[in-house]
Amino acid sequence: MSAEGAGGDRLGAALALERLPLAAAAVFRTDLRTVQPASDPPLAPTGSVTMATPPVPAPVAAAPVADYFPLSRALLEAVLADRTSDRFVCELIWPRLGYEPDGSGTWSAGPATEASWRESFPIAPQLIAERPASVALTRSIPREHKQLLKQQLGFAGYTISELYPRRTRRATAVSWLLAHLAGRGESLPEGGPLPLLLELPADPVIGHPGDLVVG
């Protein structure tokens, strides 16, 4: 084939190439020039799709759970005899009223706290040091359980020389605890765990070291 004929053939192919779609033209150009069409990015192998891993949330510390200190005749008699701190007496009652500790020493009303207590005392009240709290505790004892202090513990009350607010409010606290047990259909065991019992306070009006001033 002459050079002129070969040139004509190349010109004709080039003109025909202009009429082809772009994808087809790329194929034909491989005959005219050594230019390859751009290739698509490689596909991931079938069945191995890569997905972004969601961030793992930071662990949230669980709220402290308030445990009931087990009640017993020996424990309640120790409370009546003023052998525990006022704070310990409160912590016998607070969880049973639905108050929960927050880990910093503060107890707040929780989901199980009755509305009357939650509204009046959103923060657990000092049941020995504060008169309104002790009055509320007295009023919350059902009438049918008001004599349990005498019936179950044989407690007839303090003597005249022992009638201090701290002592009488302890009697209210023990009466409420007995009513709480009765309301749950539970009996009072004779013995059980005891805290470290304290000596009688030198001044029963002031109480033990750390007890709040009684108002």
N, C-alpha and C. Protein backbone atom coordinates (compact mmCIF):
# COMPACT_ATOMS: atom_id res chain seq x y z
N MET A 1 0.87 -1.18 0.00
CA MET A 1 0.00 0.00 0.00
C MET A 1 0.90 1.22 0.00
N SER A 2 0.51 2.23 -0.86
CA SER A 2 1.32 3.44 -0.94
C SER A 2 1.14 4.28 0.28
N ALA A 3 2.07 5.25 0.48
CA ALA A 3 1.97 6.15 1.65
C ALA A 3 0.74 7.00 1.55
N GLU A 4 0.35 7.36 0.29
CA GLU A 4 -0.85 8.20 0.12
C GLU A 4 -2.09 7.42 0.51
N GLY A 5 -2.12 6.16 0.09
CA GLY A 5 -3.30 5.34 0.44
C GLY A 5 -3.42 5.10 1.92
N ALA A 6 -2.27 4.86 2.55
CA ALA A 6 -2.31 4.65 4.02
C ALA A 6 -2.76 5.89 4.72
N GLY A 7 -2.31 7.07 4.20
CA GLY A 7 -2.75 8.31 4.83
C GLY A 7 -4.23 8.52 4.70
N GLY A 8 -4.78 8.13 3.50
CA GLY A 8 -6.22 8.29 3.31
C GLY A 8 -7.00 7.42 4.25
N ASP A 9 -6.50 6.21 4.44
CA ASP A 9 -7.21 5.31 5.37
C ASP A 9 -7.23 5.87 6.78
N ARG A 10 -6.12 6.43 7.22
CA ARG A 10 -6.06 6.98 8.57
C ARG A 10 -7.00 8.19 8.70
N LEU A 11 -7.08 8.99 7.65
CA LEU A 11 -7.97 10.16 7.70
C LEU A 11 -9.42 9.73 7.76
N GLY A 12 -9.75 8.72 6.98
CA GLY A 12 -11.13 8.22 7.01
C GLY A 12 -11.50 7.65 8.36
N ALA A 13 -10.58 6.94 8.97
CA ALA A 13 -10.86 6.37 10.30
C ALA A 13 -11.03 7.46 11.33
N ALA A 14 -10.23 8.51 11.18
CA ALA A 14 -10.33 9.61 12.14
C ALA A 14 -11.66 10.31 12.03
N LEU A 15 -12.15 10.50 10.75
CA LEU A 15 -13.44 11.16 10.56
C LEU A 15 -14.57 10.30 11.11
N ALA A 16 -14.47 9.01 10.88
CA ALA A 16 -15.50 8.10 11.41
C ALA A 16 -15.49 8.11 12.93
N LEU A 17 -14.32 8.27 13.49
CA LEU A 17 -14.17 8.26 14.94
C LEU A 17 -14.92 9.41 15.59
N GLU A 18 -14.99 10.56 14.87
CA GLU A 18 -15.68 11.73 15.42
C GLU A 18 -17.16 11.47 15.59
N ARG A 19 -17.70 10.51 14.81
CA ARG A 19 -19.13 10.24 14.88
C ARG A 19 -19.49 9.19 15.92
N LEU A 20 -18.50 8.60 16.55
CA LEU A 20 -18.76 7.54 17.53
C LEU A 20 -18.93 8.14 18.92
N PRO A 21 -19.64 7.44 19.79
CA PRO A 21 -19.71 7.87 21.20
C PRO A 21 -18.32 7.88 21.80
N LEU A 22 -18.20 8.64 22.87
CA LEU A 22 -16.90 8.82 23.49
C LEU A 22 -16.28 7.49 23.93
N ALA A 23 -17.07 6.60 24.52
CA ALA A 23 -16.53 5.33 25.00
C ALA A 23 -16.00 4.49 23.86
N ALA A 24 -16.77 4.48 22.72
CA ALA A 24 -16.33 3.69 21.57
C ALA A 24 -15.09 4.30 20.95
N ALA A 25 -15.06 5.66 20.93
CA ALA A 25 -13.90 6.34 20.35
C ALA A 25 -12.64 5.96 21.08
N ALA A 26 -12.72 5.80 22.37
CA ALA A 26 -11.54 5.45 23.14
C ALA A 26 -10.97 4.12 22.70
N VAL A 27 -11.87 3.22 22.32
CA VAL A 27 -11.40 1.91 21.87
C VAL A 27 -10.69 2.03 20.53
N PHE A 28 -11.30 2.80 19.63
CA PHE A 28 -10.70 2.93 18.30
C PHE A 28 -9.37 3.66 18.35
N ARG A 29 -9.25 4.59 19.29
CA ARG A 29 -8.00 5.33 19.37
C ARG A 29 -6.82 4.45 19.73
N THR A 30 -7.09 3.28 20.27
CA THR A 30 -5.98 2.37 20.58
C THR A 30 -5.27 1.93 19.31
N ASP A 31 -6.01 1.98 18.17
CA ASP A 31 -5.39 1.62 16.90
C ASP A 31 -4.59 2.77 16.33
N LEU A 32 -5.05 4.01 16.65
CA LEU A 32 -4.40 5.17 16.07
C LEU A 32 -3.29 5.71 16.94
N ARG A 33 -3.53 5.68 18.27
CA ARG A 33 -2.52 6.18 19.20
C ARG A 33 -2.43 5.22 20.38
N THR A 34 -1.41 5.21 21.06
CA THR A 34 -1.23 4.31 22.21
C THR A 34 -1.71 4.99 23.48
N VAL A 35 -2.97 5.50 23.48
CA VAL A 35 -3.57 6.17 24.64
C VAL A 35 -4.71 5.32 25.15
N GLN A 36 -4.67 4.94 26.41
CA GLN A 36 -5.72 4.11 26.99
C GLN A 36 -6.72 5.00 27.73
N PRO A 37 -8.02 4.65 27.70
CA PRO A 37 -9.00 5.44 28.48
C PRO A 37 -8.73 5.28 29.97
N ALA A 38 -9.10 6.33 30.68
CA ALA A 38 -8.93 6.28 32.15
C ALA A 38 -9.73 5.13 32.73
N SER A 39 -9.13 4.41 33.64
CA SER A 39 -9.80 3.25 34.24
C SER A 39 -10.55 3.67 35.49
N ASP A 40 -11.64 2.95 35.81
CA ASP A 40 -12.40 3.21 37.04
C ASP A 40 -11.60 2.74 38.24
N PRO A 41 -11.84 3.35 39.41
CA PRO A 41 -11.14 2.88 40.62
C PRO A 41 -11.49 1.44 40.91
N PRO A 42 -10.55 0.69 41.47
CA PRO A 42 -10.80 -0.75 41.73
C PRO A 42 -11.94 -0.93 42.72
N LEU A 43 -12.74 -1.94 42.48
CA LEU A 43 -13.86 -2.26 43.35
C LEU A 43 -13.39 -3.16 44.48
N ALA A 44 -14.06 -3.00 45.63
CA ALA A 44 -13.75 -3.88 46.75
C ALA A 44 -14.18 -5.29 46.41
N PRO A 45 -13.47 -6.28 46.87
CA PRO A 45 -13.86 -7.68 46.59
C PRO A 45 -15.27 -7.95 47.07
N THR A 46 -15.96 -8.78 46.30
CA THR A 46 -17.34 -9.12 46.66
C THR A 46 -17.38 -9.74 48.05
N GLY A 47 -18.35 -9.24 48.87
CA GLY A 47 -18.54 -9.80 50.20
C GLY A 47 -17.65 -9.20 51.25
N SER A 48 -16.85 -8.18 50.90
CA SER A 48 -15.97 -7.58 51.90
C SER A 48 -16.13 -6.07 51.91
N VAL A 49 -17.38 -5.62 52.03
CA VAL A 49 -17.68 -4.19 52.04
C VAL A 49 -17.13 -3.58 53.32
N THR A 50 -16.38 -2.51 53.17
CA THR A 50 -15.78 -1.85 54.33
C THR A 50 -16.70 -0.75 54.82
N MET A 51 -17.05 -0.77 56.08
CA MET A 51 -17.94 0.23 56.68
C MET A 51 -17.22 0.92 57.83
N ALA A 52 -17.54 2.20 58.00
CA ALA A 52 -16.91 2.96 59.08
C ALA A 52 -17.38 2.42 60.43
N THR A 53 -16.48 2.28 61.35
CA THR A 53 -16.82 1.80 62.69
C THR A 53 -17.33 2.96 63.54
N PRO A 54 -18.56 2.89 64.06
CA PRO A 54 -19.07 4.01 64.87
C PRO A 54 -18.26 4.15 66.14
N PRO A 55 -18.16 5.38 66.62
CA PRO A 55 -17.39 5.59 67.87
C PRO A 55 -18.04 4.89 69.04
N VAL A 56 -17.23 4.33 69.90
CA VAL A 56 -17.74 3.64 71.09
C VAL A 56 -17.99 4.67 72.18
N PRO A 57 -19.23 4.78 72.69
CA PRO A 57 -19.51 5.77 73.74
C PRO A 57 -18.73 5.47 75.00
N ALA A 58 -18.37 6.54 75.68
CA ALA A 58 -17.64 6.38 76.94
C ALA A 58 -18.54 5.73 77.97
N PRO A 59 -18.01 4.82 78.79
CA PRO A 59 -18.85 4.16 79.80
C PRO A 59 -19.36 5.18 80.81
N VAL A 60 -20.62 5.00 81.20
CA VAL A 60 -21.25 5.88 82.17
C VAL A 60 -21.25 5.19 83.53
N ALA A 61 -20.77 5.88 84.53
CA ALA A 61 -20.72 5.29 85.87
C ALA A 61 -22.13 5.05 86.38
N ALA A 62 -22.36 3.87 86.92
CA ALA A 62 -23.68 3.55 87.45
C ALA A 62 -23.92 4.32 88.74
N ALA A 63 -25.17 4.74 88.93
CA ALA A 63 -25.51 5.46 90.15
C ALA A 63 -25.41 4.50 91.33
N PRO A 64 -24.92 4.99 92.42
CA PRO A 64 -24.82 4.14 93.60
C PRO A 64 -26.19 3.60 94.00
N VAL A 65 -26.21 2.36 94.42
CA VAL A 65 -27.46 1.72 94.84
C VAL A 65 -27.52 1.70 96.37
N ALA A 66 -28.64 2.17 96.88
CA ALA A 66 -28.81 2.20 98.33
C ALA A 66 -29.28 0.83 98.82
N ASP A 67 -28.52 0.22 99.72
CA ASP A 67 -28.90 -1.06 100.29
C ASP A 67 -29.61 -0.82 101.62
N TYR A 68 -30.57 -1.71 101.90
CA TYR A 68 -31.22 -1.65 103.20
C TYR A 68 -30.31 -2.31 104.24
N PHE A 69 -30.01 -1.60 105.31
CA PHE A 69 -29.30 -2.24 106.41
C PHE A 69 -30.31 -3.15 107.10
N PRO A 70 -30.00 -4.43 107.27
CA PRO A 70 -30.99 -5.36 107.83
C PRO A 70 -31.45 -4.94 109.24
N LEU A 71 -32.73 -5.02 109.45
CA LEU A 71 -33.28 -4.67 110.76
C LEU A 71 -33.34 -5.90 111.66
N SER A 72 -33.22 -5.66 112.94
CA SER A 72 -33.36 -6.73 113.93
C SER A 72 -33.76 -6.08 115.26
N ARG A 73 -34.23 -6.90 116.15
CA ARG A 73 -34.58 -6.39 117.48
C ARG A 73 -33.35 -5.78 118.16
N ALA A 74 -32.21 -6.46 118.02
CA ALA A 74 -31.00 -5.95 118.66
C ALA A 74 -30.60 -4.59 118.10
N LEU A 75 -30.75 -4.40 116.81
CA LEU A 75 -30.39 -3.12 116.19
C LEU A 75 -31.33 -2.01 116.65
N LEU A 76 -32.63 -2.25 116.63
CA LEU A 76 -33.58 -1.22 117.01
C LEU A 76 -33.46 -0.85 118.50
N GLU A 77 -33.14 -1.82 119.30
CA GLU A 77 -32.92 -1.51 120.72
C GLU A 77 -31.67 -0.65 120.90
N ALA A 78 -30.66 -0.88 120.07
CA ALA A 78 -29.46 -0.05 120.13
C ALA A 78 -29.77 1.39 119.71
N VAL A 79 -30.66 1.54 118.75
CA VAL A 79 -31.06 2.89 118.32
C VAL A 79 -31.80 3.59 119.46
N LEU A 80 -32.72 2.89 120.09
CA LEU A 80 -33.46 3.48 121.22
C LEU A 80 -32.53 3.84 122.38
N ALA A 81 -31.49 3.04 122.57
CA ALA A 81 -30.55 3.26 123.68
C ALA A 81 -29.50 4.32 123.34
N ASP A 82 -29.60 4.94 122.15
CA ASP A 82 -28.67 6.00 121.75
C ASP A 82 -27.24 5.49 121.59
N ARG A 83 -27.12 4.29 121.01
CA ARG A 83 -25.79 3.69 120.81
C ARG A 83 -25.33 3.82 119.35
N THR A 84 -26.04 4.59 118.55
CA THR A 84 -25.65 4.84 117.15
C THR A 84 -25.73 6.34 116.89
N SER A 85 -25.09 6.78 115.84
CA SER A 85 -25.15 8.20 115.49
C SER A 85 -26.53 8.53 114.90
N ASP A 86 -26.86 9.80 114.94
CA ASP A 86 -28.12 10.24 114.34
C ASP A 86 -28.11 9.98 112.83
N ARG A 87 -26.97 10.17 112.23
CA ARG A 87 -26.85 9.93 110.78
C ARG A 87 -27.16 8.48 110.44
N PHE A 88 -26.69 7.56 111.26
CA PHE A 88 -26.96 6.14 111.00
C PHE A 88 -28.47 5.88 111.06
N VAL A 89 -29.14 6.51 111.99
CA VAL A 89 -30.60 6.33 112.08
C VAL A 89 -31.27 6.81 110.80
N CYS A 90 -30.82 7.97 110.30
CA CYS A 90 -31.38 8.48 109.05
C CYS A 90 -31.15 7.51 107.90
N GLU A 91 -29.95 6.93 107.86
CA GLU A 91 -29.63 6.04 106.75
C GLU A 91 -30.33 4.68 106.86
N LEU A 92 -30.92 4.39 107.99
CA LEU A 92 -31.81 3.22 108.07
C LEU A 92 -33.13 3.50 107.36
N ILE A 93 -33.53 4.76 107.37
CA ILE A 93 -34.85 5.13 106.86
C ILE A 93 -34.82 5.67 105.44
N TRP A 94 -33.81 6.46 105.11
CA TRP A 94 -33.80 7.10 103.79
C TRP A 94 -34.01 6.13 102.64
N PRO A 95 -33.26 5.04 102.52
CA PRO A 95 -33.49 4.16 101.37
C PRO A 95 -34.88 3.52 101.37
N ARG A 96 -35.43 3.34 102.55
CA ARG A 96 -36.77 2.76 102.64
C ARG A 96 -37.85 3.76 102.25
N LEU A 97 -37.49 5.05 102.23
CA LEU A 97 -38.38 6.09 101.71
C LEU A 97 -38.13 6.35 100.23
N GLY A 98 -37.16 5.65 99.67
CA GLY A 98 -36.87 5.82 98.24
C GLY A 98 -35.78 6.82 97.93
N TYR A 99 -35.13 7.36 98.96
CA TYR A 99 -34.03 8.29 98.69
C TYR A 99 -32.79 7.51 98.26
N GLU A 100 -31.99 8.14 97.41
CA GLU A 100 -30.82 7.47 96.85
C GLU A 100 -29.58 8.35 97.04
N PRO A 101 -28.42 7.73 97.33
CA PRO A 101 -27.18 8.50 97.47
C PRO A 101 -26.61 8.84 96.10
N ASP A 102 -25.93 9.98 96.01
CA ASP A 102 -25.31 10.35 94.74
C ASP A 102 -23.81 10.15 94.73
N GLY A 103 -23.28 9.55 95.79
CA GLY A 103 -21.86 9.29 95.85
C GLY A 103 -21.05 10.37 96.53
N SER A 104 -21.68 11.52 96.80
CA SER A 104 -20.96 12.62 97.45
C SER A 104 -21.42 12.84 98.89
N GLY A 105 -22.27 11.92 99.38
CA GLY A 105 -22.78 12.06 100.74
C GLY A 105 -24.18 12.63 100.80
N THR A 106 -24.69 13.08 99.66
CA THR A 106 -26.05 13.64 99.60
C THR A 106 -27.02 12.57 99.12
N TRP A 107 -28.17 12.52 99.76
CA TRP A 107 -29.24 11.61 99.35
C TRP A 107 -30.37 12.46 98.78
N SER A 108 -30.87 12.05 97.63
CA SER A 108 -31.94 12.79 96.97
C SER A 108 -33.13 11.87 96.70
N ALA A 109 -34.30 12.49 96.56
CA ALA A 109 -35.50 11.71 96.25
C ALA A 109 -35.31 10.97 94.93
N GLY A 110 -35.72 9.71 94.91
CA GLY A 110 -35.59 8.89 93.71
C GLY A 110 -36.96 8.53 93.16
N PRO A 111 -37.00 7.69 92.13
CA PRO A 111 -38.27 7.30 91.51
C PRO A 111 -39.23 6.63 92.49
N ALA A 112 -38.69 5.95 93.51
CA ALA A 112 -39.56 5.24 94.46
C ALA A 112 -40.01 6.12 95.62
N THR A 113 -39.54 7.35 95.68
CA THR A 113 -39.94 8.24 96.77
C THR A 113 -41.37 8.72 96.54
N GLU A 114 -42.21 8.62 97.56
CA GLU A 114 -43.59 9.07 97.43
C GLU A 114 -43.63 10.58 97.16
N ALA A 115 -44.67 10.99 96.44
CA ALA A 115 -44.76 12.40 96.02
C ALA A 115 -44.74 13.35 97.21
N SER A 116 -45.41 12.97 98.30
CA SER A 116 -45.47 13.87 99.46
C SER A 116 -44.08 14.12 100.03
N TRP A 117 -43.25 13.10 100.08
CA TRP A 117 -41.89 13.26 100.57
C TRP A 117 -41.03 13.98 99.55
N ARG A 118 -41.18 13.65 98.28
CA ARG A 118 -40.37 14.27 97.24
C ARG A 118 -40.62 15.78 97.17
N GLU A 119 -41.89 16.17 97.31
CA GLU A 119 -42.22 17.59 97.21
C GLU A 119 -41.78 18.36 98.46
N SER A 120 -41.95 17.76 99.62
CA SER A 120 -41.59 18.45 100.86
C SER A 120 -40.09 18.40 101.14
N PHE A 121 -39.48 17.27 100.75
CA PHE A 121 -38.05 17.07 101.07
C PHE A 121 -37.35 16.47 99.85
N PRO A 122 -37.05 17.27 98.82
CA PRO A 122 -36.34 16.73 97.65
C PRO A 122 -34.95 16.19 98.01
N ILE A 123 -34.34 16.76 99.04
CA ILE A 123 -33.11 16.24 99.60
C ILE A 123 -33.47 15.53 100.89
N ALA A 124 -32.92 14.35 101.10
CA ALA A 124 -33.28 13.55 102.28
C ALA A 124 -33.15 14.40 103.55
N PRO A 125 -34.21 14.45 104.34
CA PRO A 125 -34.20 15.32 105.52
C PRO A 125 -33.48 14.67 106.71
N GLN A 126 -33.01 15.51 107.58
CA GLN A 126 -32.39 15.04 108.82
C GLN A 126 -33.53 14.71 109.80
N LEU A 127 -33.79 13.41 109.93
CA LEU A 127 -34.98 12.97 110.67
C LEU A 127 -34.86 13.12 112.18
N ILE A 128 -33.66 13.31 112.68
CA ILE A 128 -33.47 13.52 114.11
C ILE A 128 -33.26 15.01 114.40
N ALA A 129 -32.47 15.68 113.59
CA ALA A 129 -32.13 17.08 113.85
C ALA A 129 -33.25 18.05 113.49
N GLU A 130 -34.10 17.68 112.54
CA GLU A 130 -35.12 18.62 112.04
C GLU A 130 -36.52 18.18 112.47
N ARG A 131 -37.19 19.08 113.17
CA ARG A 131 -38.52 18.75 113.69
C ARG A 131 -39.53 18.49 112.56
N PRO A 132 -39.62 19.33 111.51
CA PRO A 132 -40.61 19.04 110.46
C PRO A 132 -40.47 17.65 109.85
N ALA A 133 -39.25 17.19 109.71
CA ALA A 133 -39.05 15.86 109.14
C ALA A 133 -39.54 14.78 110.09
N SER A 134 -39.28 14.96 111.38
CA SER A 134 -39.74 13.98 112.37
C SER A 134 -41.26 13.96 112.45
N VAL A 135 -41.87 15.14 112.35
CA VAL A 135 -43.34 15.21 112.37
C VAL A 135 -43.92 14.49 111.15
N ALA A 136 -43.31 14.70 109.98
CA ALA A 136 -43.78 14.03 108.76
C ALA A 136 -43.64 12.51 108.90
N LEU A 137 -42.57 12.08 109.54
CA LEU A 137 -42.37 10.64 109.73
C LEU A 137 -43.45 10.07 110.66
N THR A 138 -43.76 10.80 111.72
CA THR A 138 -44.81 10.36 112.65
C THR A 138 -46.15 10.22 111.93
N ARG A 139 -46.48 11.21 111.12
CA ARG A 139 -47.77 11.21 110.43
C ARG A 139 -47.86 10.14 109.36
N SER A 140 -46.72 9.66 108.88
CA SER A 140 -46.75 8.65 107.82
C SER A 140 -46.89 7.23 108.37
N ILE A 141 -46.89 7.08 109.70
CA ILE A 141 -47.07 5.74 110.29
C ILE A 141 -48.56 5.41 110.29
N PRO A 142 -48.97 4.34 109.63
CA PRO A 142 -50.40 3.97 109.62
C PRO A 142 -50.92 3.76 111.05
N ARG A 143 -52.17 4.12 111.24
CA ARG A 143 -52.77 4.03 112.57
C ARG A 143 -52.69 2.62 113.14
N GLU A 144 -52.88 1.63 112.29
CA GLU A 144 -52.89 0.24 112.78
C GLU A 144 -51.51 -0.23 113.23
N HIS A 145 -50.47 0.53 112.93
CA HIS A 145 -49.11 0.12 113.31
C HIS A 145 -48.48 1.03 114.36
N LYS A 146 -49.23 1.93 114.92
CA LYS A 146 -48.66 2.92 115.84
C LYS A 146 -48.26 2.32 117.19
N GLN A 147 -48.75 1.14 117.53
CA GLN A 147 -48.43 0.53 118.82
C GLN A 147 -47.34 -0.54 118.72
N LEU A 148 -46.73 -0.69 117.57
CA LEU A 148 -45.75 -1.76 117.40
C LEU A 148 -44.52 -1.58 118.29
N LEU A 149 -44.17 -0.33 118.58
CA LEU A 149 -43.01 -0.09 119.43
C LEU A 149 -43.19 -0.77 120.79
N LYS A 150 -44.39 -0.69 121.32
CA LYS A 150 -44.68 -1.32 122.61
C LYS A 150 -44.95 -2.81 122.45
N GLN A 151 -45.71 -3.16 121.39
CA GLN A 151 -46.10 -4.56 121.20
C GLN A 151 -44.92 -5.46 120.85
N GLN A 152 -44.00 -4.99 120.02
CA GLN A 152 -42.92 -5.86 119.56
C GLN A 152 -41.64 -5.69 120.39
N LEU A 153 -41.38 -4.48 120.85
CA LEU A 153 -40.14 -4.26 121.61
C LEU A 153 -40.38 -4.07 123.10
N GLY A 154 -41.64 -3.99 123.49
CA GLY A 154 -41.95 -3.77 124.91
C GLY A 154 -41.47 -2.40 125.40
N PHE A 155 -41.37 -1.45 124.49
CA PHE A 155 -40.86 -0.14 124.84
C PHE A 155 -42.02 0.75 125.30
N ALA A 156 -41.95 1.16 126.57
CA ALA A 156 -43.05 1.97 127.14
C ALA A 156 -42.75 3.46 127.07
N GLY A 157 -41.58 3.83 126.58
CA GLY A 157 -41.23 5.25 126.48
C GLY A 157 -40.04 5.58 127.36
N TYR A 158 -39.52 6.75 127.18
CA TYR A 158 -38.39 7.22 127.98
C TYR A 158 -38.88 7.78 129.31
N THR A 159 -38.00 7.79 130.27
CA THR A 159 -38.33 8.42 131.56
C THR A 159 -38.28 9.93 131.41
N ILE A 160 -38.76 10.62 132.40
CA ILE A 160 -38.79 12.07 132.36
C ILE A 160 -37.39 12.64 132.12
N SER A 161 -36.38 12.06 132.75
CA SER A 161 -35.01 12.56 132.62
C SER A 161 -34.41 12.26 131.25
N GLU A 162 -35.08 11.42 130.46
CA GLU A 162 -34.56 11.06 129.14
C GLU A 162 -35.33 11.72 127.99
N LEU A 163 -36.26 12.59 128.34
CA LEU A 163 -37.12 13.18 127.30
C LEU A 163 -36.43 14.35 126.61
N TYR A 164 -35.51 14.00 125.75
CA TYR A 164 -34.84 14.97 124.91
C TYR A 164 -35.32 14.77 123.48
N PRO A 165 -35.36 15.83 122.66
CA PRO A 165 -35.82 15.66 121.27
C PRO A 165 -35.08 14.56 120.52
N ARG A 166 -33.77 14.45 120.76
CA ARG A 166 -33.01 13.42 120.06
C ARG A 166 -33.53 12.02 120.40
N ARG A 167 -33.88 11.82 121.64
CA ARG A 167 -34.36 10.50 122.07
C ARG A 167 -35.78 10.23 121.56
N THR A 168 -36.67 11.19 121.72
CA THR A 168 -38.05 10.94 121.30
C THR A 168 -38.15 10.77 119.78
N ARG A 169 -37.30 11.46 119.04
CA ARG A 169 -37.31 11.31 117.59
C ARG A 169 -36.72 9.96 117.17
N ARG A 170 -35.83 9.43 118.00
CA ARG A 170 -35.34 8.07 117.75
C ARG A 170 -36.48 7.06 117.93
N ALA A 171 -37.29 7.28 118.92
CA ALA A 171 -38.44 6.40 119.13
C ALA A 171 -39.38 6.47 117.92
N THR A 172 -39.58 7.67 117.39
CA THR A 172 -40.39 7.81 116.18
C THR A 172 -39.78 7.05 115.02
N ALA A 173 -38.46 7.15 114.87
CA ALA A 173 -37.78 6.46 113.78
C ALA A 173 -37.95 4.94 113.89
N VAL A 174 -37.78 4.42 115.09
CA VAL A 174 -37.92 2.97 115.29
C VAL A 174 -39.36 2.55 115.05
N SER A 175 -40.32 3.35 115.51
CA SER A 175 -41.73 3.04 115.27
C SER A 175 -42.02 2.98 113.77
N TRP A 176 -41.45 3.93 113.02
CA TRP A 176 -41.66 3.93 111.57
C TRP A 176 -41.05 2.69 110.93
N LEU A 177 -39.87 2.30 111.36
CA LEU A 177 -39.21 1.12 110.80
C LEU A 177 -40.03 -0.15 111.05
N LEU A 178 -40.58 -0.26 112.24
CA LEU A 178 -41.43 -1.41 112.55
C LEU A 178 -42.68 -1.41 111.66
N ALA A 179 -43.26 -0.23 111.46
CA ALA A 179 -44.44 -0.13 110.60
C ALA A 179 -44.08 -0.47 109.16
N HIS A 180 -42.90 -0.07 108.74
CA HIS A 180 -42.45 -0.39 107.38
C HIS A 180 -42.34 -1.91 107.20
N LEU A 181 -41.76 -2.58 108.18
CA LEU A 181 -41.67 -4.05 108.12
C LEU A 181 -43.05 -4.68 108.07
N ALA A 182 -43.92 -4.21 108.94
CA ALA A 182 -45.27 -4.78 109.00
C ALA A 182 -46.02 -4.56 107.69
N GLY A 183 -45.84 -3.39 107.10
CA GLY A 183 -46.51 -3.10 105.83
C GLY A 183 -46.03 -4.00 104.71
N ARG A 184 -44.82 -4.50 104.81
CA ARG A 184 -44.28 -5.40 103.80
C ARG A 184 -44.52 -6.87 104.16
N GLY A 185 -45.19 -7.10 105.29
CA GLY A 185 -45.47 -8.47 105.71
C GLY A 185 -44.25 -9.21 106.20
N GLU A 186 -43.25 -8.47 106.69
CA GLU A 186 -42.01 -9.09 107.16
C GLU A 186 -41.96 -9.09 108.68
N SER A 187 -41.35 -10.10 109.24
CA SER A 187 -41.20 -10.19 110.69
C SER A 187 -39.86 -9.59 111.11
N LEU A 188 -39.75 -9.28 112.37
CA LEU A 188 -38.53 -8.69 112.91
C LEU A 188 -37.68 -9.80 113.53
N PRO A 189 -36.50 -10.08 112.95
CA PRO A 189 -35.65 -11.11 113.56
C PRO A 189 -35.04 -10.62 114.86
N GLU A 190 -34.67 -11.55 115.70
CA GLU A 190 -34.07 -11.19 116.99
C GLU A 190 -32.68 -10.59 116.83
N GLY A 191 -31.89 -11.19 115.98
CA GLY A 191 -30.51 -10.73 115.80
C GLY A 191 -30.19 -10.46 114.36
N GLY A 192 -29.06 -9.79 114.16
CA GLY A 192 -28.63 -9.46 112.81
C GLY A 192 -27.38 -8.60 112.88
N PRO A 193 -26.94 -8.08 111.74
CA PRO A 193 -25.74 -7.24 111.73
C PRO A 193 -25.94 -5.98 112.58
N LEU A 194 -24.86 -5.55 113.19
CA LEU A 194 -24.89 -4.32 113.99
C LEU A 194 -23.73 -3.43 113.55
N PRO A 195 -23.92 -2.12 113.56
CA PRO A 195 -22.79 -1.23 113.32
C PRO A 195 -21.89 -1.22 114.55
N LEU A 196 -20.80 -0.50 114.47
CA LEU A 196 -19.96 -0.32 115.65
C LEU A 196 -20.75 0.52 116.65
N LEU A 197 -21.12 -0.09 117.76
CA LEU A 197 -21.95 0.62 118.74
C LEU A 197 -21.11 1.65 119.50
N LEU A 198 -21.71 2.80 119.72
CA LEU A 198 -21.04 3.91 120.38
C LEU A 198 -21.36 3.92 121.86
N GLU A 199 -20.49 4.57 122.61
CA GLU A 199 -20.79 4.80 124.02
C GLU A 199 -21.91 5.82 124.13
N LEU A 200 -22.62 5.78 125.22
CA LEU A 200 -23.65 6.79 125.43
C LEU A 200 -23.03 8.18 125.37
N PRO A 201 -23.68 9.13 124.70
CA PRO A 201 -23.09 10.48 124.63
C PRO A 201 -22.99 11.12 126.01
N ALA A 202 -21.93 11.87 126.20
CA ALA A 202 -21.77 12.57 127.49
C ALA A 202 -22.91 13.54 127.73
N ASP A 203 -23.38 14.17 126.66
CA ASP A 203 -24.52 15.09 126.75
C ASP A 203 -25.58 14.62 125.76
N PRO A 204 -26.64 13.99 126.24
CA PRO A 204 -27.65 13.45 125.31
C PRO A 204 -28.37 14.53 124.50
N VAL A 205 -28.31 15.78 124.98
CA VAL A 205 -28.94 16.87 124.21
C VAL A 205 -28.14 17.13 122.93
N ILE A 206 -26.81 17.08 123.06
CA ILE A 206 -25.93 17.34 121.92
C ILE A 206 -25.74 16.09 121.07
N GLY A 207 -25.62 14.95 121.76
CA GLY A 207 -25.47 13.71 121.02
C GLY A 207 -24.02 13.32 120.79
N HIS A 208 -23.82 12.48 119.83
CA HIS A 208 -22.49 11.95 119.53
C HIS A 208 -21.69 12.95 118.70
N PRO A 209 -20.36 12.83 118.69
CA PRO A 209 -19.55 13.66 117.82
C PRO A 209 -20.02 13.52 116.37
N GLY A 210 -20.26 14.65 115.73
CA GLY A 210 -20.74 14.63 114.35
C GLY A 210 -22.22 14.75 114.21
N ASP A 211 -22.99 14.52 115.27
CA ASP A 211 -24.44 14.70 115.19
C ASP A 211 -24.76 16.18 114.99
N LEU A 212 -25.78 16.45 114.18
CA LEU A 212 -26.18 17.83 113.92
C LEU A 212 -26.93 18.41 115.12
N VAL A 213 -26.89 19.71 115.20
CA VAL A 213 -27.63 20.40 116.25
C VAL A 213 -29.12 20.16 116.04
N VAL A 214 -29.80 19.79 117.09
CA VAL A 214 -31.22 19.49 116.99
C VAL A 214 -32.03 20.78 117.07
N GLY A 215 -32.92 20.94 116.13
CA GLY A 215 -33.74 22.14 116.12
C GLY A 215 -35.20 21.83 116.41
